[in-house]
C-alpha atoms as a PDB file:
ATOM      1  CA  MET A   1     -15.206  15.450   7.022  1.00  0.00           C
ATOM      2  CA  LEU A   2     -12.854  14.399   4.223  1.00  0.00           C
ATOM      3  CA  ARG A   3     -12.096  17.129   1.703  1.00  0.00           C
ATOM      4  CA  VAL A   4     -11.905  15.774  -1.856  1.00  0.00           C
ATOM      5  CA  LEU A   5     -10.623  17.390  -5.031  1.00  0.00           C
ATOM      6  CA  ALA A   6     -11.750  15.577  -8.186  1.00  0.00           C
ATOM      7  CA  PHE A   7     -10.413  15.593 -11.709  1.00  0.00           C
ATOM      8  CA  THR A   8     -12.615  14.714 -14.686  1.00  0.00           C
ATOM      9  CA  ASP A   9     -13.295  16.274 -18.055  1.00  0.00           C
ATOM     10  CA  GLU A  10     -16.833  14.836 -18.206  1.00  0.00           C
ATOM     11  CA  VAL A  11     -19.605  17.109 -16.944  1.00  0.00           C
ATOM     12  CA  VAL A  12     -21.978  14.236 -16.216  1.00  0.00           C
ATOM     13  CA  VAL A  13     -19.329  12.395 -14.181  1.00  0.00           C
ATOM     14  CA  ALA A  14     -18.641  15.539 -12.177  1.00  0.00           C
ATOM     15  CA  ALA A  15     -22.345  15.876 -11.393  1.00  0.00           C
ATOM     16  CA  GLY A  16     -22.466  12.262 -10.255  1.00  0.00           C
ATOM     17  CA  LEU A  17     -19.502  12.774  -7.937  1.00  0.00           C
ATOM     18  CA  ARG A  18     -21.255  15.736  -6.320  1.00  0.00           C
ATOM     19  CA  GLN A  19     -24.130  13.409  -5.414  1.00  0.00           C
ATOM     20  CA  ILE A  20     -21.864  10.619  -4.147  1.00  0.00           C
ATOM     21  CA  LEU A  21     -19.409  12.747  -2.126  1.00  0.00           C
ATOM     22  CA  THR A  22     -21.752  14.570   0.230  1.00  0.00           C
ATOM     23  CA  ARG A  23     -21.603  15.704   3.851  1.00  0.00           C
ATOM     24  CA  LYS A  24     -24.142  12.999   4.612  1.00  0.00           C
ATOM     25  CA  ASN A  25     -21.545  10.392   3.613  1.00  0.00           C
ATOM     26  CA  GLY A  26     -18.657  12.113   5.382  1.00  0.00           C
ATOM     27  CA  PHE A  27     -17.150  13.904   2.376  1.00  0.00           C
ATOM     28  CA  ARG A  28     -16.925  17.418   1.019  1.00  0.00           C
ATOM     29  CA  LEU A  29     -16.161  17.917  -2.663  1.00  0.00           C
ATOM     30  CA  VAL A  30     -14.089  21.102  -2.517  1.00  0.00           C
ATOM     31  CA  GLY A  31     -13.529  21.367  -6.262  1.00  0.00           C
ATOM     32  CA  VAL A  32     -13.553  19.694  -9.667  1.00  0.00           C
ATOM     33  CA  SER A  33     -10.736  20.235 -12.143  1.00  0.00           C
ATOM     34  CA  ASP A  34     -11.483  19.636 -15.813  1.00  0.00           C
ATOM     35  CA  SER A  35      -7.903  20.092 -17.026  1.00  0.00           C
ATOM     36  CA  PRO A  36      -4.517  18.751 -15.856  1.00  0.00           C
ATOM     37  CA  SER A  37      -3.111  22.237 -16.419  1.00  0.00           C
ATOM     38  CA  ASN A  38      -4.892  23.651 -13.348  1.00  0.00           C
ATOM     39  CA  LEU A  39      -5.003  20.476 -11.245  1.00  0.00           C
ATOM     40  CA  VAL A  40      -1.744  21.088  -9.375  1.00  0.00           C
ATOM     41  CA  GLU A  41      -2.633  24.696  -8.546  1.00  0.00           C
ATOM     42  CA  MET A  42      -6.061  23.639  -7.268  1.00  0.00           C
ATOM     43  CA  ALA A  43      -4.436  20.955  -5.107  1.00  0.00           C
ATOM     44  CA  LEU A  44      -2.138  23.582  -3.582  1.00  0.00           C
ATOM     45  CA  SER A  45      -4.821  26.235  -3.050  1.00  0.00           C
ATOM     46  CA  LEU A  46      -7.737  24.066  -1.888  1.00  0.00           C
ATOM     47  CA  LYS A  47      -5.617  21.721   0.301  1.00  0.00           C
ATOM     48  CA  PRO A  48      -7.811  18.620  -0.046  1.00  0.00           C
ATOM     49  CA  ASP A  49      -7.268  15.483   2.005  1.00  0.00           C
ATOM     50  CA  LEU A  50      -7.732  13.357  -1.110  1.00  0.00           C
ATOM     51  CA  MET A  51      -7.609  13.685  -4.866  1.00  0.00           C
ATOM     52  CA  LEU A  52      -9.926  11.466  -6.922  1.00  0.00           C
ATOM     53  CA  LEU A  53      -8.518  11.396 -10.438  1.00  0.00           C
ATOM     54  CA  ASP A  54     -10.432  10.185 -13.472  1.00  0.00           C
ATOM     55  CA  PHE A  55      -7.859   8.179 -15.461  1.00  0.00           C
ATOM     56  CA  THR A  56      -8.308   9.923 -18.804  1.00  0.00           C
ATOM     57  CA  PRO A  57      -5.656  10.056 -21.551  1.00  0.00           C
ATOM     58  CA  GLU A  58      -4.894  13.655 -20.480  1.00  0.00           C
ATOM     59  CA  LEU A  59      -3.883  12.518 -16.988  1.00  0.00           C
ATOM     60  CA  THR A  60      -0.283  11.504 -17.683  1.00  0.00           C
ATOM     61  CA  PHE A  61       2.261  10.060 -15.279  1.00  0.00           C
ATOM     62  CA  GLY A  62       4.061  13.384 -15.598  1.00  0.00           C
ATOM     63  CA  VAL A  63       1.034  15.062 -13.990  1.00  0.00           C
ATOM     64  CA  LEU A  64       0.960  12.451 -11.217  1.00  0.00           C
ATOM     65  CA  TYR A  65       4.666  12.980 -10.596  1.00  0.00           C
ATOM     66  CA  GLU A  66       4.197  16.737 -10.348  1.00  0.00           C
ATOM     67  CA  LEU A  67       1.324  16.271  -7.897  1.00  0.00           C
ATOM     68  CA  ARG A  68       3.445  13.923  -5.786  1.00  0.00           C
ATOM     69  CA  GLU A  69       6.357  16.368  -5.717  1.00  0.00           C
ATOM     70  CA  ARG A  70       4.465  19.631  -5.190  1.00  0.00           C
ATOM     71  CA  ALA A  71       1.567  18.363  -3.054  1.00  0.00           C
ATOM     72  CA  PRO A  72       3.041  15.341  -1.240  1.00  0.00           C
ATOM     73  CA  ASN A  73       0.439  15.346   1.545  1.00  0.00           C
ATOM     74  CA  ARG A  74      -2.515  15.030  -0.849  1.00  0.00           C
ATOM     75  CA  ARG A  75      -3.302  11.326  -1.214  1.00  0.00           C
ATOM     76  CA  MET A  76      -4.258  10.262  -4.732  1.00  0.00           C
ATOM     77  CA  VAL A  77      -6.830   7.709  -5.924  1.00  0.00           C
ATOM     78  CA  LEU A  78      -7.261   6.713  -9.572  1.00  0.00           C
ATOM     79  CA  TRP A  79     -10.791   6.121 -10.834  1.00  0.00           C
ATOM     80  CA  VAL A  80     -10.536   3.801 -13.831  1.00  0.00           C
ATOM     81  CA  ARG A  81     -12.566   1.688 -16.225  1.00  0.00           C
ATOM     82  CA  SER A  82      -9.650  -0.714 -16.496  1.00  0.00           C
ATOM     83  CA  ILE A  83      -5.907  -0.634 -15.957  1.00  0.00           C
ATOM     84  CA  SER A  84      -3.061  -3.068 -16.568  1.00  0.00           C
ATOM     85  CA  PRO A  85      -0.754  -4.214 -13.745  1.00  0.00           C
ATOM     86  CA  GLU A  86       2.124  -2.445 -15.485  1.00  0.00           C
ATOM     87  CA  LEU A  87       0.298   0.906 -15.500  1.00  0.00           C
ATOM     88  CA  ALA A  88      -0.844   0.320 -11.910  1.00  0.00           C
ATOM     89  CA  HIS A  89       2.798  -0.233 -10.972  1.00  0.00           C
ATOM     90  CA  GLN A  90       3.807   3.069 -12.568  1.00  0.00           C
ATOM     91  CA  ALA A  91       0.894   4.866 -10.900  1.00  0.00           C
ATOM     92  CA  VAL A  92       1.953   3.658  -7.445  1.00  0.00           C
ATOM     93  CA  ASP A  93       5.545   4.706  -8.131  1.00  0.00           C
ATOM     94  CA  ASN A  94       4.170   8.183  -8.867  1.00  0.00           C
ATOM     95  CA  GLY A  95       2.268   8.476  -5.606  1.00  0.00           C
ATOM     96  CA  VAL A  96      -1.117   6.828  -6.222  1.00  0.00           C
ATOM     97  CA  ARG A  97      -2.401   4.989  -3.150  1.00  0.00           C
ATOM     98  CA  GLY A  98      -5.701   3.607  -4.444  1.00  0.00           C
ATOM     99  CA  ILE A  99      -7.175   2.356  -7.715  1.00  0.00           C
ATOM    100  CA  VAL A 100     -10.900   1.744  -7.966  1.00  0.00           C
ATOM    101  CA  ARG A 101     -12.988   0.795 -11.002  1.00  0.00           C
ATOM    102  CA  LYS A 102     -15.889   2.942 -12.155  1.00  0.00           C
ATOM    103  CA  THR A 103     -18.075  -0.120 -12.677  1.00  0.00           C
ATOM    104  CA  LEU A 104     -18.154  -0.943  -8.954  1.00  0.00           C
ATOM    105  CA  PRO A 105     -20.936   0.266  -6.620  1.00  0.00           C
ATOM    106  CA  GLU A 106     -20.519   3.783  -5.273  1.00  0.00           C
ATOM    107  CA  GLU A 107     -20.014   2.420  -1.744  1.00  0.00           C
ATOM    108  CA  ASN A 108     -16.772   0.807  -2.942  1.00  0.00           C
ATOM    109  CA  LEU A 109     -15.573   4.234  -4.031  1.00  0.00           C
ATOM    110  CA  ARG A 110     -16.329   5.678  -0.608  1.00  0.00           C
ATOM    111  CA  LYS A 111     -14.621   2.754   1.144  1.00  0.00           C
ATOM    112  CA  CYS A 112     -11.568   3.224  -1.049  1.00  0.00           C
ATOM    113  CA  LEU A 113     -11.370   6.930  -0.241  1.00  0.00           C
ATOM    114  CA  ARG A 114     -11.753   6.350   3.489  1.00  0.00           C
ATOM    115  CA  MET A 115      -9.056   3.664   3.523  1.00  0.00           C
ATOM    116  CA  VAL A 116      -6.580   5.813   1.605  1.00  0.00           C
ATOM    117  CA  ALA A 117      -7.375   8.809   3.836  1.00  0.00           C
ATOM    118  CA  ASP A 118      -6.525   6.642   6.858  1.00  0.00           C
ATOM    119  CA  GLY A 119      -3.108   5.911   5.377  1.00  0.00           C
ATOM    120  CA  GLY A 120      -3.921   2.578   3.744  1.00  0.00           C
ATOM    121  CA  MET A 121      -3.895   1.420   0.136  1.00  0.00           C
ATOM    122  CA  TRP A 122      -6.749   0.076  -1.991  1.00  0.00           C
ATOM    123  CA  PHE A 123      -6.390  -2.413  -4.852  1.00  0.00           C
ATOM    124  CA  GLU A 124      -8.715  -5.167  -5.989  1.00  0.00           C
ATOM    125  CA  GLU A 125      -7.468  -8.703  -5.412  1.00  0.00           C
ATOM    126  CA  SER A 126      -7.168  -9.457  -9.131  1.00  0.00           C
ATOM    127  CA  LEU A 127      -5.115  -6.310  -9.643  1.00  0.00           C
ATOM    128  CA  LYS A 128      -2.894  -7.112  -6.667  1.00  0.00           C
ATOM    129  CA  GLU A 129      -2.022 -10.524  -8.061  1.00  0.00           C
ATOM    130  CA  GLY A 130      -1.125  -9.071 -11.442  1.00  0.00           C
ATOM    131  CA  PHE A 131       0.632  -6.160  -9.773  1.00  0.00           C
ATOM    132  CA  TRP A 132       2.846  -8.460  -7.712  1.00  0.00           C
ATOM    133  CA  ALA A 133       3.551 -10.670 -10.714  1.00  0.00           C
ATOM    134  CA  SER A 134       4.634  -7.759 -12.912  1.00  0.00           C
ATOM    135  CA  ARG A 135       6.409  -5.699 -10.301  1.00  0.00           C
ATOM    136  CA  PRO A 136      10.168  -6.234  -9.961  1.00  0.00           C
ATOM    137  CA  ILE A 137      11.280  -7.133  -6.437  1.00  0.00           C
ATOM    138  CA  ASN A 138      13.465  -4.261  -5.280  1.00  0.00           C
ATOM    139  CA  LEU A 139      13.828  -5.048  -1.591  1.00  0.00           C
ATOM    140  CA  SER A 140      16.888  -4.295   0.475  1.00  0.00           C
ATOM    141  CA  ARG A 141      18.665  -7.185   2.191  1.00  0.00           C
ATOM    142  CA  ARG A 142      17.083  -6.262   5.536  1.00  0.00           C
ATOM    143  CA  GLU A 143      13.604  -5.952   3.998  1.00  0.00           C
ATOM    144  CA  SER A 144      14.001  -9.378   2.351  1.00  0.00           C
ATOM    145  CA  GLN A 145      15.056 -10.877   5.682  1.00  0.00           C
ATOM    146  CA  LEU A 146      12.081  -9.349   7.460  1.00  0.00           C
ATOM    147  CA  VAL A 147       9.582 -10.550   4.828  1.00  0.00           C
ATOM    148  CA  SER A 148      11.129 -14.026   4.951  1.00  0.00           C
ATOM    149  CA  LEU A 149      10.825 -14.238   8.744  1.00  0.00           C
ATOM    150  CA  LEU A 150       7.268 -12.922   8.689  1.00  0.00           C
ATOM    151  CA  SER A 151       6.401 -15.546   6.046  1.00  0.00           C
ATOM    152  CA  GLN A 152       7.655 -18.217   8.446  1.00  0.00           C
ATOM    153  CA  GLY A 153       5.169 -17.025  11.058  1.00  0.00           C
ATOM    154  CA  LEU A 154       7.417 -15.137  13.470  1.00  0.00           C
ATOM    155  CA  LYS A 155       6.078 -12.342  15.636  1.00  0.00           C
ATOM    156  CA  ASN A 156       7.548  -8.844  15.870  1.00  0.00           C
ATOM    157  CA  LYS A 157       9.490  -9.588  19.052  1.00  0.00           C
ATOM    158  CA  GLU A 158      11.054 -12.712  17.560  1.00  0.00           C
ATOM    159  CA  ILE A 159      11.955 -10.896  14.344  1.00  0.00           C
ATOM    160  CA  ALA A 160      13.529  -8.077  16.373  1.00  0.00           C
ATOM    161  CA  THR A 161      15.650 -10.562  18.351  1.00  0.00           C
ATOM    162  CA  LEU A 162      16.886 -12.328  15.226  1.00  0.00           C
ATOM    163  CA  LEU A 163      17.746  -9.109  13.396  1.00  0.00           C
ATOM    164  CA  LEU A 164      19.185  -7.375  16.483  1.00  0.00           C
ATOM    165  CA  ILE A 165      16.823  -4.414  16.154  1.00  0.00           C
ATOM    166  CA  SER A 166      14.025  -3.040  18.331  1.00  0.00           C
ATOM    167  CA  GLU A 167      10.368  -4.002  18.023  1.00  0.00           C
ATOM    168  CA  GLY A 168       9.703  -0.380  17.098  1.00  0.00           C
ATOM    169  CA  SER A 169      12.092  -0.696  14.162  1.00  0.00           C
ATOM    170  CA  VAL A 170      10.278  -3.843  13.025  1.00  0.00           C
ATOM    171  CA  LYS A 171       6.988  -1.932  13.016  1.00  0.00           C
ATOM    172  CA  VAL A 172       8.545   0.881  10.983  1.00  0.00           C
ATOM    173  CA  TYR A 173       9.910  -1.620   8.449  1.00  0.00           C
ATOM    174  CA  LEU A 174       6.514  -3.327   8.192  1.00  0.00           C
ATOM    175  CA  SER A 175       4.691  -0.034   7.619  1.00  0.00           C
ATOM    176  CA  ARG A 176       7.125   0.858   4.846  1.00  0.00           C
ATOM    177  CA  LEU A 177       6.751  -2.581   3.270  1.00  0.00           C
ATOM    178  CA  PHE A 178       2.936  -2.309   3.350  1.00  0.00           C
ATOM    179  CA  ARG A 179       3.183   0.918   1.325  1.00  0.00           C
ATOM    180  CA  LYS A 180       6.008  -0.258  -0.917  1.00  0.00           C
ATOM    181  CA  LEU A 181       4.335  -3.522  -1.945  1.00  0.00           C
ATOM    182  CA  GLY A 182       0.716  -2.369  -1.887  1.00  0.00           C
ATOM    183  CA  VAL A 183      -0.414  -4.853   0.772  1.00  0.00           C
ATOM    184  CA  ASN A 184      -2.900  -4.192   3.559  1.00  0.00           C
ATOM    185  CA  ASP A 185      -1.719  -6.366   6.430  1.00  0.00           C
ATOM    186  CA  ARG A 186       0.752  -8.983   7.743  1.00  0.00           C
ATOM    187  CA  PHE A 187      -1.143 -11.826   6.122  1.00  0.00           C
ATOM    188  CA  GLU A 188      -0.871 -10.325   2.629  1.00  0.00           C
ATOM    189  CA  LEU A 189       2.797  -9.456   3.210  1.00  0.00           C
ATOM    190  CA  ALA A 190       3.445 -13.069   4.235  1.00  0.00           C
ATOM    191  CA  LEU A 191       1.737 -14.299   1.071  1.00  0.00           C
ATOM    192  CA  TYR A 192       3.888 -11.920  -0.955  1.00  0.00           C
ATOM    193  CA  GLY A 193       6.975 -13.460   0.649  1.00  0.00           C
ATOM    194  CA  LEU A 194       5.845 -17.007  -0.042  1.00  0.00           C
ATOM    195  CA  ARG A 195       5.095 -16.187  -3.692  1.00  0.00           C
ATOM    196  CA  ASN A 196       8.086 -13.998  -4.482  1.00  0.00           C
ATOM    197  CA  LEU A 197      10.892 -15.015  -2.129  1.00  0.00           C
ATOM    198  CA  PRO A 198      10.823 -18.817  -2.360  1.00  0.00           C
ATOM    199  CA  HIS A 199      14.474 -19.236  -1.361  1.00  0.00           C
ATOM    200  CA  ALA A 200      14.602 -16.628   1.380  1.00  0.00           C
ATOM    201  CA  GLU A 201      13.976 -19.055   4.228  1.00  0.00           C
ATOM    202  CA  ALA A 202      16.880 -21.278   3.282  1.00  0.00           C
ATOM    203  CA  ALA A 203      19.171 -18.268   2.896  1.00  0.00           C
ATOM    204  CA  PHE A 204      18.503 -16.863   6.360  1.00  0.00           C
ATOM    205  CA  ASP A 205      19.722 -18.370   9.611  1.00  0.00           C
ATOM    206  CA  THR A 206      16.773 -18.430  12.016  1.00  0.00           C
ATOM    207  CA  LYS A 207      18.752 -19.248  15.151  1.00  0.00           C
ATOM    208  CA  PRO A 208      18.241 -16.483  17.727  1.00  0.00           C
ATOM    209  CA  ARG A 209      21.154 -14.123  18.305  1.00  0.00           C
ATOM    210  CA  THR A 210      22.178 -11.740  21.053  1.00  0.00           C
ATOM    211  CA  PRO A 211      24.747  -8.974  20.755  1.00  0.00           C
ATOM    212  CA  GLY A 212      27.087 -10.843  23.132  1.00  0.00           C
ATOM    213  CA  ASP A 213      27.206 -14.037  21.121  1.00  0.00           C
ATOM    214  CA  ALA A 214      30.644 -14.684  19.582  1.00  0.00           C
ATOM    215  CA  ALA A 215      30.861 -15.858  16.003  1.00  0.00           C
ATOM    216  CA  GLY A 216      30.462 -19.597  15.806  1.00  0.00           C
ATOM    217  CA  SER A 217      29.157 -19.920  19.356  1.00  0.00           C
ATOM    218  CA  ARG A 218      25.448 -19.245  18.961  1.00  0.00           C
ATOM    219  CA  LYS A 219      23.194 -21.239  21.222  1.00  0.00           C
ATOM    220  CA  ASP A 220      21.471 -24.114  19.522  1.00  0.00           C
ATOM    221  CA  VAL A 221      17.827 -23.200  20.072  1.00  0.00           C
ATOM    222  CA  ASN A 222      15.145 -25.561  18.865  1.00  0.00           C
ATOM    223  CA  ARG A 223      13.789 -24.168  15.587  1.00  0.00           C
ATOM    224  CA  SER A 224      10.222 -24.912  16.642  1.00  0.00           C
ATOM    225  CA  GLU A 225      10.508 -22.362  19.461  1.00  0.00           C
ATOM    226  CA  TRP A 226      11.092 -19.611  16.897  1.00  0.00           C
ATOM    227  CA  LEU A 227       8.894 -20.550  13.987  1.00  0.00           C
ATOM    228  CA  ARG A 228       5.135 -20.331  13.893  1.00  0.00           C
ATOM    229  CA  SER A 229       3.085 -22.169  11.322  1.00  0.00           C
ATOM    230  CA  LEU A 230       1.481 -19.761   8.847  1.00  0.00           C
ATOM    231  CA  VAL A 231      -2.290 -20.007   8.907  1.00  0.00           C
ATOM    232  CA  LEU A 232      -3.382 -20.377   5.305  1.00  0.00           C
ATOM    233  CA  ASN A 233      -6.945 -19.239   5.901  1.00  0.00           C
ATOM    234  CA  ARG A 234      -7.250 -15.501   6.353  1.00  0.00           C
ATOM    235  CA  PRO A 235      -7.937 -14.659  10.006  1.00  0.00           C
ATOM    236  CA  SER A 236     -11.210 -12.909  10.739  1.00  0.00           C
ATOM    237  CA  ASP A 237      -9.477  -9.952  12.383  1.00  0.00           C
ATOM    238  CA  ARG A 238      -6.524  -8.488  10.514  1.00  0.00           C
ATOM    239  CA  VAL A 239      -3.463  -7.936  12.638  1.00  0.00           C
ATOM    240  CA  ARG A 240      -1.661  -4.721  11.850  1.00  0.00           C
ATOM    241  CA  ALA A 241       2.016  -4.045  12.397  1.00  0.00           C
END
């Protein structure tokens, strides 16, 4: 049973949420805040799994920041009529992990909440494209290398060998990148790399390395043994890190 704390200053909206978020659907609405002034205290006292926040003018990024800092384990979802990629970018930087439009069917809202509760992120495809286009690329050198190799079709083991790190470290990097870039899986991360890091492949040497290799004496391994063609059609089963 997922415990949800909602914020809205509209009585009718609050009543609708009580009908949507029921035990029958796997949710329990533990409270409704009608003012940002008591939202943080309710989040601390009620300890919800999720916070569903109506994106009203009163809900500032300062409030989101305070929620992120004081209640870091409470995952936040914005419920919006519309939002620009720039505002979505700021919301994610302040801890929001899902953005869902009010005009969508109520089942989409429930799916969004479940995905965010499971540690994922929820954005519509149109918002993702605008989000990626507007968001500055602030990846570390290692993150850029990993995204580049993934975009070339390499598997975790191959990436680990090339970067001289463990497969476990590759999985940790991928999980962080999923959250950082707002993508759901390896396929979307690869697309991000192809769209935003067009020169990364040329800048990275894809010959396999081992710790014992001396500089200038790497084995000349056929590139085709290390690269995998990227399937352009989305696979039916998403492969997680």
